[in-house]
Protein backbone atom coordinates (compact mmCIF):
# COMPACT_ATOMS: atom_id res chain seq x y z
CA UNK A 1 107.90 40.73 187.00
CA UNK A 2 110.21 38.32 188.84
CA UNK A 3 108.39 35.03 189.48
CA UNK A 4 111.20 33.35 191.38
CA UNK A 5 114.93 33.36 192.03
CA UNK A 6 116.87 30.13 191.73
CA UNK A 7 120.45 30.13 192.91
CA UNK A 8 122.73 29.53 195.89
CA UNK A 9 122.06 30.80 199.40
CA UNK A 10 124.85 33.25 200.22
CA UNK A 11 123.63 34.42 203.62
CA UNK A 12 120.59 34.98 205.87
CA UNK A 13 120.37 37.84 208.35
CA UNK A 14 117.39 39.47 210.08
CA UNK A 15 114.87 37.86 207.73
CA UNK A 16 116.86 38.95 204.69
CA UNK A 17 118.31 36.29 202.41
CA UNK A 18 120.95 36.94 199.81
CA UNK A 19 120.64 34.60 196.82
CA UNK A 20 123.57 34.27 194.42
CA UNK A 21 122.12 33.85 190.92
CA UNK A 22 124.94 33.38 188.42
CA UNK A 23 127.20 35.79 190.27
CA UNK A 24 124.53 38.39 191.05
CA UNK A 25 123.40 38.70 194.66
CA UNK A 26 119.67 39.35 195.17
CA UNK A 27 118.43 40.74 198.48
CA UNK A 28 115.20 38.89 199.26
CA UNK A 29 113.08 39.61 202.33
CA UNK A 30 111.78 36.35 203.81
CA UNK A 31 109.27 35.48 206.52
CA UNK A 32 110.44 33.68 209.65
CA UNK A 33 108.71 30.52 208.42
CA UNK A 34 110.60 30.62 205.14
CA UNK A 35 113.87 31.51 206.88
CA UNK A 36 113.53 28.44 209.09
CA UNK A 37 113.14 26.22 206.02
CA UNK A 38 116.07 27.59 204.04
CA UNK A 39 119.02 25.25 203.36
CA UNK A 40 122.51 25.78 204.68
CA UNK A 41 124.71 28.52 203.29
CA UNK A 42 126.18 27.52 199.94
CA UNK A 43 123.30 25.18 199.13
CA UNK A 44 120.93 25.65 196.15
CA UNK A 45 117.61 27.34 196.89
CA UNK A 46 114.54 28.47 194.97
CA UNK A 47 112.26 31.21 196.29
CA UNK A 48 108.98 32.32 194.76
CA UNK A 49 108.94 36.09 194.79
CA UNK A 50 106.85 39.24 194.85
CA UNK A 51 108.37 42.53 193.69
CA UNK A 52 107.16 45.56 195.64
CA UNK A 53 107.72 48.79 193.73
CA UNK A 54 107.54 52.15 195.51
CA UNK A 55 108.79 55.61 194.65
CA UNK A 56 111.77 55.24 196.96
CA UNK A 57 112.45 51.49 196.82
CA UNK A 58 112.10 48.20 194.97
CA UNK A 59 111.97 45.26 197.39
CA UNK A 60 111.83 41.57 196.62
CA UNK A 61 109.89 39.32 199.00
CA UNK A 62 110.55 35.59 198.79
CA UNK A 63 108.71 32.47 199.89
CA UNK A 64 109.67 28.81 199.99
CA UNK A 65 106.35 27.74 198.45
CA UNK A 66 103.80 29.12 196.01
CA UNK A 67 101.16 28.52 198.68
CA UNK A 68 102.80 30.99 201.05
CA UNK A 69 103.26 33.50 198.21
CA UNK A 70 99.57 33.21 197.25
CA UNK A 71 98.52 33.92 200.83
CA UNK A 72 100.93 36.86 200.97
CA UNK A 73 99.25 38.35 197.89
CA UNK A 74 95.84 37.90 199.53
CA UNK A 75 97.07 39.60 202.69
CA UNK A 76 98.44 42.68 200.95
CA UNK A 77 95.16 43.06 199.05
CA UNK A 78 93.61 44.09 202.38
CA UNK A 79 93.57 47.81 203.06
CA UNK A 80 96.12 48.74 205.70
CA UNK A 81 98.36 45.71 205.17
CA UNK A 82 101.49 46.27 203.12
CA UNK A 83 104.25 43.82 202.20
CA UNK A 84 105.96 44.19 205.59
CA UNK A 85 102.68 43.55 207.41
CA UNK A 86 101.90 40.55 205.26
CA UNK A 87 105.31 39.10 205.90
CA UNK A 88 104.99 39.79 209.64
CA UNK A 89 101.76 37.77 209.74
CA UNK A 90 103.36 34.87 207.87
CA UNK A 91 106.28 35.02 210.28
CA UNK A 92 104.07 34.21 213.28
CA UNK A 93 101.53 31.94 211.54
CA UNK A 94 101.89 29.08 209.08
CA UNK A 95 99.68 29.26 205.97
CA UNK A 96 97.36 26.62 207.45
CA UNK A 97 97.13 28.39 210.83
CA UNK A 98 96.27 31.63 209.03
CA UNK A 99 93.52 29.94 207.00
CA UNK A 100 92.03 28.39 210.13
CA UNK A 101 92.15 31.77 211.90
CA UNK A 102 90.39 33.51 209.01
CA UNK A 103 87.65 30.89 208.74
CA UNK A 104 87.17 30.84 212.52
CA UNK A 105 87.12 34.63 212.73
CA UNK A 106 90.08 34.57 215.12
CA UNK A 107 91.37 38.11 214.61
CA UNK A 108 93.10 37.97 218.01
CA UNK A 109 95.58 35.36 216.75
CA UNK A 110 96.33 37.45 213.67
CA UNK A 111 96.81 40.64 215.69
CA UNK A 112 99.78 39.02 217.44
CA UNK A 113 101.88 39.81 214.37
CA UNK A 114 104.12 42.87 214.89
CA UNK A 115 102.54 46.02 213.49
CA UNK A 116 99.11 44.45 212.98
CA UNK A 117 96.52 46.00 215.27
CA UNK A 118 93.15 44.69 216.37
CA UNK A 119 91.13 46.69 213.83
CA UNK A 120 93.42 45.70 210.96
CA UNK A 121 93.18 42.03 211.93
CA UNK A 122 89.39 42.27 212.10
CA UNK A 123 89.30 43.90 208.66
CA UNK A 124 91.53 41.14 207.30
CA UNK A 125 89.18 38.42 208.57
CA UNK A 126 86.16 40.24 207.16
CA UNK A 127 87.66 40.81 203.71
CA UNK A 128 89.31 37.41 203.26
CA UNK A 129 86.74 35.12 204.88
CA UNK A 130 84.92 34.53 201.59
CA UNK A 131 88.20 34.04 199.71
CA UNK A 132 89.25 31.08 201.87
CA UNK A 133 87.25 27.87 201.73
CA UNK A 134 87.35 24.46 203.41
CA UNK A 135 88.68 23.08 200.12
CA UNK A 136 91.72 25.35 200.50
CA UNK A 137 92.43 23.74 203.86
CA UNK A 138 92.01 20.21 202.56
CA UNK A 139 94.20 20.75 199.51
CA UNK A 140 96.60 23.31 200.98
CA UNK A 141 96.11 25.89 198.23
CA UNK A 142 94.59 29.34 197.90
CA UNK A 143 93.72 31.87 195.27
CA UNK A 144 93.51 30.88 191.61
CA UNK A 145 94.72 27.32 192.24
CA UNK A 146 91.91 26.52 194.67
CA UNK A 147 89.25 25.72 192.09
CA UNK A 148 91.42 23.27 190.20
CA UNK A 149 92.60 21.49 193.35
CA UNK A 150 89.08 21.34 194.73
CA UNK A 151 87.83 19.68 191.56
CA UNK A 152 90.57 17.10 191.91
CA UNK A 153 89.74 16.38 195.54
CA UNK A 154 85.99 16.49 194.98
CA UNK A 155 85.84 12.81 193.97
CA UNK A 156 87.60 11.63 197.12
CA UNK A 157 86.18 10.72 200.51
CA UNK A 158 87.71 13.63 202.40
CA UNK A 159 85.00 16.22 201.68
CA UNK A 160 82.25 13.76 202.55
CA UNK A 161 84.05 12.93 205.80
CA UNK A 162 84.25 16.62 206.73
CA UNK A 163 80.53 17.08 206.00
CA UNK A 164 79.69 14.02 208.13
CA UNK A 165 81.72 15.32 211.06
CA UNK A 166 80.01 18.72 210.85
CA UNK A 167 76.63 16.92 210.82
CA UNK A 168 77.71 15.17 214.04
CA UNK A 169 78.15 18.54 215.70
CA UNK A 170 81.83 19.33 215.19
CA UNK A 171 82.85 22.73 213.90
CA UNK A 172 84.21 23.01 210.37
CA UNK A 173 87.64 23.90 211.76
CA UNK A 174 87.72 20.82 214.01
CA UNK A 175 86.51 18.58 211.20
CA UNK A 176 89.02 19.84 208.66
CA UNK A 177 91.95 19.61 211.09
CA UNK A 178 91.05 16.02 211.98
CA UNK A 179 90.63 14.94 208.36
CA UNK A 180 93.88 16.62 207.31
CA UNK A 181 95.76 14.84 210.09
CA UNK A 182 94.24 11.49 209.07
CA UNK A 183 95.19 12.01 205.43
CA UNK A 184 98.76 13.02 206.32
CA UNK A 185 99.28 9.95 208.51
CA UNK A 186 97.38 7.33 206.50
CA UNK A 187 98.23 7.05 202.83
CA UNK A 188 95.75 5.43 200.48
CA UNK A 189 92.53 6.19 202.38
CA UNK A 190 91.62 9.36 200.46
CA UNK A 191 88.79 7.71 198.51
CA UNK A 192 87.39 5.71 201.43
CA UNK A 193 84.94 7.99 203.21
CA UNK A 194 84.14 5.48 205.94
CA UNK A 195 87.79 4.86 206.76
CA UNK A 196 88.58 8.59 206.84
CA UNK A 197 85.57 9.25 209.04
CA UNK A 198 86.42 6.51 211.55
CA UNK A 199 90.02 7.65 211.86
CA UNK A 200 88.98 11.30 212.18
CA UNK A 201 86.53 10.46 214.94
CA UNK A 202 89.35 8.75 216.86
CA UNK A 203 91.32 11.98 216.62
CA UNK A 204 88.41 14.01 217.93
CA UNK A 205 87.25 11.73 220.76
């Protein structure tokens, strides 16, 4: 119903941000990661939002990026994880860290979030493992945007480099992390499989 709020940051307190939109203050619950990336008070801000409607309350949850919002929606699709639980997980883990944990089956890391027990974390990993792919990690997207981004990145050398590293005995998580680091630090090598592979191997050795 409300895709985003775009206004001026009035205040932030206890993971609650108040956004002034044309004179109307919106209470928006934010994760710790989003709170840390908010601008100073009085500065313009745009938050992508999810409206949670219950019998006794209507709460707006906001995220600094669509990527974080998409992951939030995936999290609350898991039985036993509500909006507060989803936000708690995204407060202790970045979107990338969460994806790596899901793919690696690391429920222990996820269970560190307040209110998320061991069984809930294990259920999360089980239910979302097939909804997160290596392409999501390479492109930094999830959900409905993943297919489009993957098709864009499919012609580049990054996927081939990841496959080569896995063939050399590295885990998919190690390979993806190395390739992502190479791509973030070396612009213009995306289409050069050999260059990406050599640089990634340096990171891993």
